[in-house]
């Protein structure tokens, strides 16, 4: 049986930022993971840094997914994201 486990991201490292950068700029994954209204947005490279991940943690809960001790993915969510809350 495969050993899959999740850990909450508390302190980003350069290794984790490098993995996020690779995933978030993979041409095959981009159409599946972020909205793209046009070709320019689809092809835009969005660098991921340790500082950027640290800032994301202010509003996002990020969990790292490991398989047999190797980082293979991430999942995240927001509680009451401001862009979805109705005003008034």
Protein backbone atom coordinates (compact mmCIF):
# COMPACT_ATOMS: atom_id res chain seq x y z
CA UNK A 1 0.00 0.00 0.00
CA UNK A 2 1.25 3.49 -0.85
CA UNK A 3 2.05 5.80 2.01
CA UNK A 4 0.19 9.04 1.20
CA UNK A 5 -0.03 11.79 3.79
CA UNK A 6 -0.82 15.49 4.12
CA UNK A 7 0.96 18.13 6.17
CA UNK A 8 -0.15 21.71 6.75
CA UNK A 9 2.31 24.21 5.30
CA UNK A 10 3.53 26.48 8.09
CA UNK A 11 6.96 27.62 6.96
CA UNK A 12 7.68 27.63 3.22
CA UNK A 13 11.17 26.65 2.08
CA UNK A 14 13.02 27.19 -1.18
CA UNK A 15 12.41 23.52 -2.06
CA UNK A 16 8.66 23.90 -1.56
CA UNK A 17 8.59 27.20 -3.49
CA UNK A 18 10.50 25.54 -6.34
CA UNK A 19 7.94 22.72 -6.51
CA UNK A 20 5.03 25.22 -6.51
CA UNK A 21 6.76 27.24 -9.23
CA UNK A 22 7.14 24.11 -11.36
CA UNK A 23 3.49 23.06 -10.87
CA UNK A 24 1.94 26.51 -11.26
CA UNK A 25 3.79 27.19 -14.50
CA UNK A 26 3.44 23.75 -16.10
CA UNK A 27 1.73 24.33 -19.47
CA UNK A 28 -0.33 21.14 -19.05
CA UNK A 29 -1.54 22.05 -15.55
CA UNK A 30 -2.22 25.79 -15.95
CA UNK A 31 -5.56 25.35 -17.79
CA UNK A 32 -6.74 23.05 -14.99
CA UNK A 33 -5.61 25.06 -11.98
CA UNK A 34 -6.25 28.74 -12.62
CA UNK A 35 -8.73 30.82 -14.62
CA UNK A 36 -7.39 32.08 -17.94
CA UNK A 37 -9.55 34.54 -19.87
CA UNK A 38 -7.22 34.73 -22.87
CA UNK A 39 -4.06 33.30 -24.42
CA UNK A 40 -1.84 35.89 -22.72
CA UNK A 41 -3.07 34.83 -19.26
CA UNK A 42 -2.72 31.17 -20.22
CA UNK A 43 0.93 31.66 -21.21
CA UNK A 44 1.86 34.02 -18.35
CA UNK A 45 4.68 32.78 -16.10
CA UNK A 46 3.89 33.53 -12.47
CA UNK A 47 7.02 32.97 -10.36
CA UNK A 48 6.50 31.44 -6.92
CA UNK A 49 8.83 32.52 -4.11
CA UNK A 50 9.17 31.73 -0.42
CA UNK A 51 7.95 35.26 0.36
CA UNK A 52 4.96 34.81 -1.94
CA UNK A 53 4.00 31.51 -0.32
CA UNK A 54 4.38 33.07 3.12
CA UNK A 55 1.97 35.83 2.09
CA UNK A 56 -0.52 33.29 0.73
CA UNK A 57 -0.65 31.69 4.17
CA UNK A 58 -2.34 34.83 5.51
CA UNK A 59 -5.56 33.96 3.63
CA UNK A 60 -5.11 30.33 2.55
CA UNK A 61 -4.79 27.02 4.34
CA UNK A 62 -2.24 25.05 2.32
CA UNK A 63 -1.59 21.35 2.71
CA UNK A 64 1.31 19.51 1.10
CA UNK A 65 0.68 16.04 -0.31
CA UNK A 66 3.43 13.45 0.04
CA UNK A 67 3.75 9.96 -1.41
CA UNK A 68 6.39 7.73 0.13
CA UNK A 69 8.07 10.85 1.55
CA UNK A 70 8.18 12.69 -1.80
CA UNK A 71 6.26 15.96 -2.29
CA UNK A 72 3.80 15.30 -5.12
CA UNK A 73 1.16 18.03 -4.79
CA UNK A 74 -0.76 20.52 -2.72
CA UNK A 75 -4.30 21.46 -1.86
CA UNK A 76 -5.55 24.71 -0.40
CA UNK A 77 -8.68 26.49 0.65
CA UNK A 78 -9.85 29.86 1.95
CA UNK A 79 -12.37 30.53 4.69
CA UNK A 80 -14.86 33.22 3.64
CA UNK A 81 -12.88 34.49 0.64
CA UNK A 82 -13.58 38.19 0.19
CA UNK A 83 -14.07 37.92 -3.58
CA UNK A 84 -17.05 35.59 -3.03
CA UNK A 85 -18.75 37.42 -0.18
CA UNK A 86 -21.68 39.63 -1.12
CA UNK A 87 -21.66 43.13 0.25
CA UNK A 88 -24.82 44.69 1.59
